[in-house]
Amino acid sequence: MAGHSKWANIQHRKGRQDEKRGKVWTRIIREITVAARAGGGDLATNPRLRLAVDRAKAANMPADRVKYNIDKATGNQEGVHYEEIRYEGYGIGGAAILVDTMTDNKVRTVAEVRHAFAKYGGNMGTEGSVAFQFKHCGQLIFAPGTNEDKVMEVALEAGAEDVITDDDGAIEVLTAYVDYETVKNALEAAGLKPEVAGVTMRAENPIELTGDDAVRMQKLLDVLEELDDVQDIYHNAEIDSEAL
């Protein structure tokens, strides 16, 4: 199945995240904390914690720091208790945006998210206003030039739902949320290492933004990303690479 060209967007986002490694680590520690408190510190029985630890490894977080935060979350120490809240809204050109946050002060968080939307050309939506445009699923993306036949054979055999080749040659493997780890392990065992892998909210109907609209959309996303309480942002904008 053919798909949109998104490799430049993926590389651009990765580059920005690498530039902000300290902030990325903070977000991962929050996720580890919430996952460990909710499901315990045993990776074998806590899939959410396994995903968080995978993210920590991908971000080159030291193993002792990961262990420390798991132990801290599952111990009896008093600490900050985070609440998970998802906000929905519209960006430039009506692009759909989901903003996942973890916060110890939801009054502060909603005010900051609303301000960012309003100041940079977007609009906050109500619960459910755009979420229906996204699918909760596992996603693994391979760089252009990866053996497409091998990826497809291994992925589908392991239970993947779809394998999509984008216009620029990147290969995207989609799985049900519960099958993500099984498919990822099978692909890696076959020597196929994804450039991007995780459980995500995947946009069902991407919209293309070019020129000034693309620049303005990227600015809005950057401002939202900079907010301390924001964990993840999902959107359906395919931003023109010349505007990145």
Protein backbone atom coordinates (compact mmCIF):
# COMPACT_ATOMS: atom_id res chain seq x y z
CA MET A 1 0.00 0.00 0.00
CA ALA A 2 1.39 3.40 -0.97
CA GLY A 3 1.48 6.28 1.50
CA HIS A 4 2.35 9.94 1.86
CA SER A 5 5.92 11.20 1.91
CA LYS A 6 6.75 11.83 5.57
CA TRP A 7 10.45 10.96 5.95
CA ALA A 8 11.57 14.60 6.07
CA ASN A 9 9.01 15.30 8.80
CA ILE A 10 10.21 12.30 10.81
CA GLN A 11 13.87 13.27 10.55
CA HIS A 12 13.07 16.87 11.41
CA ARG A 13 11.16 15.88 14.55
CA LYS A 14 13.93 13.49 15.63
CA GLY A 15 16.51 16.21 15.18
CA ARG A 16 14.58 18.65 17.30
CA GLN A 17 14.11 16.05 20.02
CA ASP A 18 17.84 15.26 20.01
CA GLU A 19 18.58 18.95 20.47
CA LYS A 20 16.38 18.94 23.58
CA ARG A 21 17.63 15.73 25.17
CA GLY A 22 17.33 17.07 28.72
CA LYS A 23 13.65 17.80 28.16
CA VAL A 24 13.13 14.41 26.50
CA TRP A 25 14.64 12.70 29.55
CA THR A 26 12.31 14.64 31.86
CA ARG A 27 9.31 13.43 29.90
CA ILE A 28 10.52 9.84 29.92
CA ILE A 29 11.10 9.94 33.68
CA ARG A 30 7.52 11.11 34.16
CA GLU A 31 6.27 8.25 32.00
CA ILE A 32 8.40 5.73 33.90
CA THR A 33 7.09 7.10 37.18
CA VAL A 34 3.43 6.89 36.20
CA ALA A 35 3.80 3.48 34.56
CA ALA A 36 5.66 1.99 37.53
CA ARG A 37 3.20 3.37 40.07
CA ALA A 38 0.24 2.07 38.08
CA GLY A 39 1.55 -1.39 37.16
CA GLY A 40 4.56 -2.10 39.36
CA GLY A 41 8.26 -2.17 38.65
CA ASP A 42 8.49 -5.60 36.98
CA LEU A 43 9.10 -5.12 33.25
CA ALA A 44 7.88 -8.65 32.52
CA THR A 45 4.38 -7.88 33.76
CA ASN A 46 4.09 -4.16 32.98
CA PRO A 47 3.96 -3.48 29.21
CA ARG A 48 3.58 0.26 29.65
CA LEU A 49 6.76 0.36 31.73
CA ARG A 50 8.57 -1.72 29.09
CA LEU A 51 7.66 0.85 26.46
CA ALA A 52 8.86 3.67 28.69
CA VAL A 53 12.17 1.90 29.31
CA ASP A 54 12.54 1.32 25.56
CA ARG A 55 12.11 5.05 25.05
CA ALA A 56 14.72 5.70 27.73
CA LYS A 57 17.20 3.42 25.98
CA ALA A 58 16.53 5.06 22.62
CA ALA A 59 17.22 8.44 24.24
CA ASN A 60 20.51 7.12 25.71
CA MET A 61 19.37 7.52 29.30
CA PRO A 62 21.77 5.70 31.66
CA ALA A 63 20.45 2.40 32.99
CA ASP A 64 21.12 3.36 36.60
CA ARG A 65 18.97 6.46 36.20
CA VAL A 66 16.15 4.35 34.76
CA LYS A 67 16.41 1.91 37.68
CA TYR A 68 16.52 4.73 40.22
CA ASN A 69 13.28 6.21 38.92
CA ILE A 70 11.52 2.84 38.84
CA ASP A 71 12.62 2.16 42.43
CA LYS A 72 11.57 5.63 43.50
CA ALA A 73 8.13 5.26 41.91
CA THR A 74 7.45 1.88 43.47
CA GLY A 75 8.86 2.66 46.90
CA ASN A 76 7.31 4.43 49.82
CA GLN A 77 8.93 7.79 49.21
CA GLU A 78 6.69 10.80 48.98
CA GLY A 79 6.80 12.39 45.58
CA VAL A 80 4.90 14.39 43.02
CA HIS A 81 1.79 12.70 41.71
CA TYR A 82 1.10 13.34 38.06
CA GLU A 83 -2.28 13.37 36.36
CA GLU A 84 -2.54 12.48 32.68
CA ILE A 85 -4.67 14.85 30.61
CA ARG A 86 -5.17 15.00 26.84
CA TYR A 87 -6.12 18.25 25.14
CA GLU A 88 -7.49 18.52 21.63
CA GLY A 89 -7.39 21.39 19.21
CA TYR A 90 -6.95 22.77 15.74
CA GLY A 91 -3.82 24.16 14.16
CA ILE A 92 -3.19 26.09 10.97
CA GLY A 93 -5.51 25.17 8.13
CA GLY A 94 -7.72 23.19 10.48
CA ALA A 95 -5.01 20.60 11.20
CA ALA A 96 -5.97 18.29 14.07
CA ILE A 97 -3.73 18.28 17.15
CA LEU A 98 -3.65 16.08 20.26
CA VAL A 99 -1.57 17.26 23.21
CA ASP A 100 -0.81 14.66 25.90
CA THR A 101 0.31 16.06 29.23
CA MET A 102 1.35 14.88 32.68
CA THR A 103 0.85 17.49 35.33
CA ASP A 104 0.73 18.10 39.05
CA ASN A 105 -1.33 21.27 38.44
CA LYS A 106 -3.98 20.96 35.74
CA VAL A 107 -5.11 24.58 36.14
CA ARG A 108 -1.62 25.74 35.14
CA THR A 109 -1.37 23.23 32.32
CA VAL A 110 -4.67 23.98 30.61
CA ALA A 111 -3.94 27.71 30.81
CA GLU A 112 -0.54 27.25 29.16
CA VAL A 113 -1.88 24.97 26.41
CA ARG A 114 -4.82 27.28 25.68
CA HIS A 115 -2.51 30.30 25.54
CA ALA A 116 -0.19 28.57 23.06
CA PHE A 117 -3.07 27.65 20.77
CA ALA A 118 -4.57 31.14 20.89
CA LYS A 119 -1.32 33.06 20.44
CA TYR A 120 0.03 31.04 17.53
CA GLY A 121 -2.99 30.66 15.30
CA GLY A 122 -4.73 27.58 16.67
CA ASN A 123 -7.87 26.89 18.66
CA MET A 124 -8.53 24.65 21.65
CA GLY A 125 -11.24 22.10 21.01
CA THR A 126 -13.54 20.15 23.27
CA GLU A 127 -12.98 16.54 24.29
CA GLY A 128 -13.56 14.30 21.29
CA SER A 129 -13.40 17.12 18.76
CA VAL A 130 -10.42 15.70 16.84
CA ALA A 131 -9.48 12.44 18.59
CA PHE A 132 -11.63 10.45 16.16
CA GLN A 133 -9.16 11.39 13.41
CA PHE A 134 -6.40 9.34 15.06
CA LYS A 135 -5.83 5.63 15.63
CA HIS A 136 -4.13 4.24 18.74
CA CYS A 137 -1.64 1.74 17.32
CA GLY A 138 1.92 0.48 17.17
CA GLN A 139 4.09 2.10 14.52
CA LEU A 140 7.55 1.15 13.26
CA ILE A 141 9.20 3.20 10.51
CA PHE A 142 12.18 2.02 8.46
CA ALA A 143 14.49 4.26 6.47
CA PRO A 144 14.30 4.43 2.68
CA GLY A 145 16.38 1.63 1.19
CA THR A 146 15.33 -1.00 3.72
CA ASN A 147 14.40 -4.34 2.15
CA GLU A 148 10.67 -3.91 1.67
CA ASP A 149 9.94 -7.56 0.91
CA LYS A 150 11.73 -8.72 4.04
CA VAL A 151 9.98 -6.17 6.25
CA MET A 152 6.60 -7.17 4.86
CA GLU A 153 7.23 -10.89 5.22
CA VAL A 154 8.45 -10.70 8.82
CA ALA A 155 5.93 -8.09 9.95
CA LEU A 156 2.84 -9.78 8.57
CA GLU A 157 3.97 -13.17 9.83
CA ALA A 158 4.34 -11.66 13.32
CA GLY A 159 0.84 -10.20 13.26
CA ALA A 160 1.18 -6.67 11.85
CA GLU A 161 -1.99 -5.08 10.50
CA ASP A 162 -0.43 -3.28 7.54
CA VAL A 163 2.85 -2.42 5.83
CA ILE A 164 2.90 0.89 3.96
CA THR A 165 5.59 2.15 1.60
CA ASP A 166 5.64 5.94 1.55
CA ASP A 167 6.31 7.98 -1.58
CA ASP A 168 9.90 8.64 -0.49
CA GLY A 169 10.72 4.98 0.18
CA ALA A 170 10.24 4.89 3.95
CA ILE A 171 8.43 1.76 5.14
CA GLU A 172 5.80 1.99 7.86
CA VAL A 173 4.60 -1.04 9.80
CA LEU A 174 1.33 -0.70 11.72
CA THR A 175 0.17 -3.01 14.49
CA ALA A 176 -2.62 -3.28 16.99
CA TYR A 177 -1.55 -1.75 20.30
CA VAL A 178 -1.38 -5.16 21.99
CA ASP A 179 0.75 -6.68 19.20
CA TYR A 180 3.38 -3.93 19.02
CA GLU A 181 6.07 -5.62 21.11
CA THR A 182 5.63 -8.99 19.38
CA VAL A 183 6.04 -7.44 15.92
CA LYS A 184 8.93 -5.20 17.00
CA ASN A 185 10.82 -8.14 18.54
CA ALA A 186 10.29 -10.26 15.41
CA LEU A 187 11.59 -7.52 13.12
CA GLU A 188 14.64 -6.84 15.27
CA ALA A 189 15.37 -10.58 15.51
CA ALA A 190 15.41 -10.61 11.70
CA GLY A 191 17.99 -7.82 11.66
CA LEU A 192 15.51 -5.09 10.78
CA LYS A 193 15.99 -2.08 13.05
CA PRO A 194 13.37 0.67 12.79
CA GLU A 195 14.36 4.31 12.73
CA VAL A 196 11.27 5.20 14.75
CA ALA A 197 9.23 2.79 16.88
CA GLY A 198 6.55 3.16 19.49
CA VAL A 199 2.89 3.18 20.36
CA THR A 200 1.33 6.30 18.91
CA MET A 201 -1.81 8.13 17.89
CA ARG A 202 -1.57 7.93 14.10
CA ALA A 203 -3.42 10.47 11.98
CA GLU A 204 -5.92 8.79 9.65
CA ASN A 205 -6.28 11.68 7.17
CA PRO A 206 -3.12 13.79 6.80
CA ILE A 207 -3.37 17.27 5.34
CA GLU A 208 -0.53 19.00 3.50
CA LEU A 209 0.66 22.43 4.56
CA THR A 210 3.04 24.52 2.47
CA GLY A 211 4.52 28.01 2.50
CA ASP A 212 3.51 30.35 5.32
CA ASP A 213 0.94 27.89 6.64
CA ALA A 214 3.67 25.27 7.09
CA VAL A 215 5.93 27.74 8.90
CA ARG A 216 3.13 28.88 11.21
CA MET A 217 2.10 25.30 11.98
CA GLN A 218 5.66 24.35 12.87
CA LYS A 219 5.89 27.37 15.18
CA LEU A 220 2.70 26.33 16.98
CA LEU A 221 4.00 22.78 17.41
CA ASP A 222 7.36 24.06 18.67
CA VAL A 223 5.69 26.26 21.29
CA LEU A 224 3.49 23.39 22.49
CA GLU A 225 6.53 21.08 22.64
CA GLU A 226 8.33 23.59 24.85
CA LEU A 227 5.66 23.50 27.56
CA ASP A 228 6.99 21.72 30.64
CA ASP A 229 3.92 19.55 31.18
CA VAL A 230 3.62 18.32 27.58
CA GLN A 231 4.60 14.69 27.03
CA ASP A 232 3.63 14.03 23.41
CA ILE A 233 2.03 15.85 20.51
CA TYR A 234 0.23 14.16 17.63
CA HIS A 235 -1.08 15.94 14.56
CA ASN A 236 -2.21 15.26 11.01
CA ALA A 237 -0.19 17.95 9.24
CA GLU A 238 2.26 16.92 6.53
CA ILE A 239 4.55 19.94 6.64
CA ASP A 240 6.39 20.93 3.47
CA SER A 241 10.07 20.04 4.01
CA GLU A 242 11.15 23.38 2.51
CA ALA A 243 9.46 25.11 5.44
CA LEU A 244 11.19 23.00 8.10
